[in-house]
């Protein structure tokens, strides 16, 4: 059986990569927002109409990264589960 438990150092490395990805996505989000603002100003439309669909995807990715960083924070007092293993409250064995 393939055991997918992660060591603390692996989690730390993954958190670092998530932080880097988060920074890159925030830069992309800022760029897309600036482009949409310029486009909205030129066409006299609202910023909401000028935002490209990619902006929503980037925003959702940032939210997912923020959630993952919170859930894997070292001060979070919960035991990480192994990938693919589900536990049920009240189940025996």
Protein backbone atom coordinates (compact mmCIF):
# COMPACT_ATOMS: atom_id res chain seq x y z
CA UNK A 1 0.00 0.00 0.00
CA UNK A 2 1.24 3.49 -0.82
CA UNK A 3 1.58 5.60 2.33
CA UNK A 4 1.09 9.29 1.52
CA UNK A 5 1.87 10.81 4.91
CA UNK A 6 4.00 13.95 4.77
CA UNK A 7 6.85 14.90 7.04
CA UNK A 8 7.01 18.33 8.65
CA UNK A 9 9.83 19.36 6.32
CA UNK A 10 7.78 18.33 3.27
CA UNK A 11 4.81 20.32 4.52
CA UNK A 12 7.09 23.32 5.11
CA UNK A 13 8.44 23.08 1.54
CA UNK A 14 4.93 22.77 0.12
CA UNK A 15 3.79 25.79 2.14
CA UNK A 16 6.71 27.78 0.75
CA UNK A 17 5.74 26.84 -2.81
CA UNK A 18 2.11 27.78 -2.09
CA UNK A 19 3.27 31.16 -0.77
CA UNK A 20 5.28 31.74 -3.95
CA UNK A 21 2.32 30.76 -6.13
CA UNK A 22 0.07 33.02 -4.08
CA UNK A 23 2.40 36.00 -4.67
CA UNK A 24 2.50 35.32 -8.42
CA UNK A 25 -1.28 35.00 -8.60
CA UNK A 26 -1.77 38.24 -6.67
CA UNK A 27 0.49 39.99 -9.18
CA UNK A 28 -1.56 38.50 -12.03
CA UNK A 29 -4.77 39.58 -10.32
CA UNK A 30 -3.47 43.15 -9.93
CA UNK A 31 -2.44 43.21 -13.60
CA UNK A 32 -5.81 41.90 -14.78
CA UNK A 33 -7.62 44.43 -12.59
CA UNK A 34 -5.53 47.30 -13.96
CA UNK A 35 -6.20 46.16 -17.54
CA UNK A 36 -9.93 45.90 -16.82
CA UNK A 37 -9.97 49.36 -15.24
CA UNK A 38 -8.29 50.84 -18.31
CA UNK A 39 -10.68 49.00 -20.62
CA UNK A 40 -13.68 50.13 -18.57
CA UNK A 41 -12.51 53.73 -18.68
CA UNK A 42 -12.05 53.61 -22.46
CA UNK A 43 -15.44 52.07 -23.10
CA UNK A 44 -17.32 53.94 -20.34
CA UNK A 45 -18.50 50.70 -18.75
CA UNK A 46 -18.32 49.29 -15.24
CA UNK A 47 -15.23 47.46 -14.01
CA UNK A 48 -17.34 44.35 -13.32
CA UNK A 49 -18.19 44.08 -17.02
CA UNK A 50 -14.58 44.59 -18.07
CA UNK A 51 -13.05 41.91 -15.83
CA UNK A 52 -12.01 38.87 -17.86
CA UNK A 53 -13.07 35.36 -16.75
CA UNK A 54 -9.43 34.65 -15.95
CA UNK A 55 -9.68 37.18 -13.11
CA UNK A 56 -12.29 34.99 -11.42
CA UNK A 57 -10.14 31.88 -11.85
CA UNK A 58 -7.11 33.66 -10.37
CA UNK A 59 -9.19 34.95 -7.44
CA UNK A 60 -10.51 31.45 -6.72
CA UNK A 61 -6.99 30.01 -6.86
CA UNK A 62 -5.78 32.63 -4.37
CA UNK A 63 -8.66 31.76 -2.05
CA UNK A 64 -7.80 28.06 -2.30
CA UNK A 65 -4.16 28.72 -1.50
CA UNK A 66 -5.10 30.89 1.49
CA UNK A 67 -7.34 28.10 2.79
CA UNK A 68 -4.59 25.50 2.36
CA UNK A 69 -2.08 27.71 4.16
CA UNK A 70 -4.46 28.20 7.09
CA UNK A 71 -5.25 24.49 7.31
CA UNK A 72 -1.58 23.51 7.30
CA UNK A 73 -0.32 26.24 9.61
CA UNK A 74 2.10 24.88 12.24
CA UNK A 75 0.07 26.43 15.06
CA UNK A 76 -3.11 24.75 13.84
CA UNK A 77 -3.85 22.14 16.52
CA UNK A 78 -5.19 19.38 14.34
CA UNK A 79 -3.60 16.16 13.22
CA UNK A 80 -3.14 16.04 9.44
CA UNK A 81 -4.89 13.10 7.79
CA UNK A 82 -3.21 10.92 5.24
CA UNK A 83 -4.33 11.57 1.69
CA UNK A 84 -7.16 9.32 0.63
CA UNK A 85 -7.99 8.17 4.17
CA UNK A 86 -11.39 9.18 5.50
CA UNK A 87 -12.35 8.98 9.12
CA UNK A 88 -15.86 8.88 10.44
CA UNK A 89 -16.89 9.92 13.92
CA UNK A 90 -18.31 7.09 15.94
CA UNK A 91 -17.12 4.34 13.60
CA UNK A 92 -15.34 1.37 15.06
CA UNK A 93 -11.97 0.23 13.75
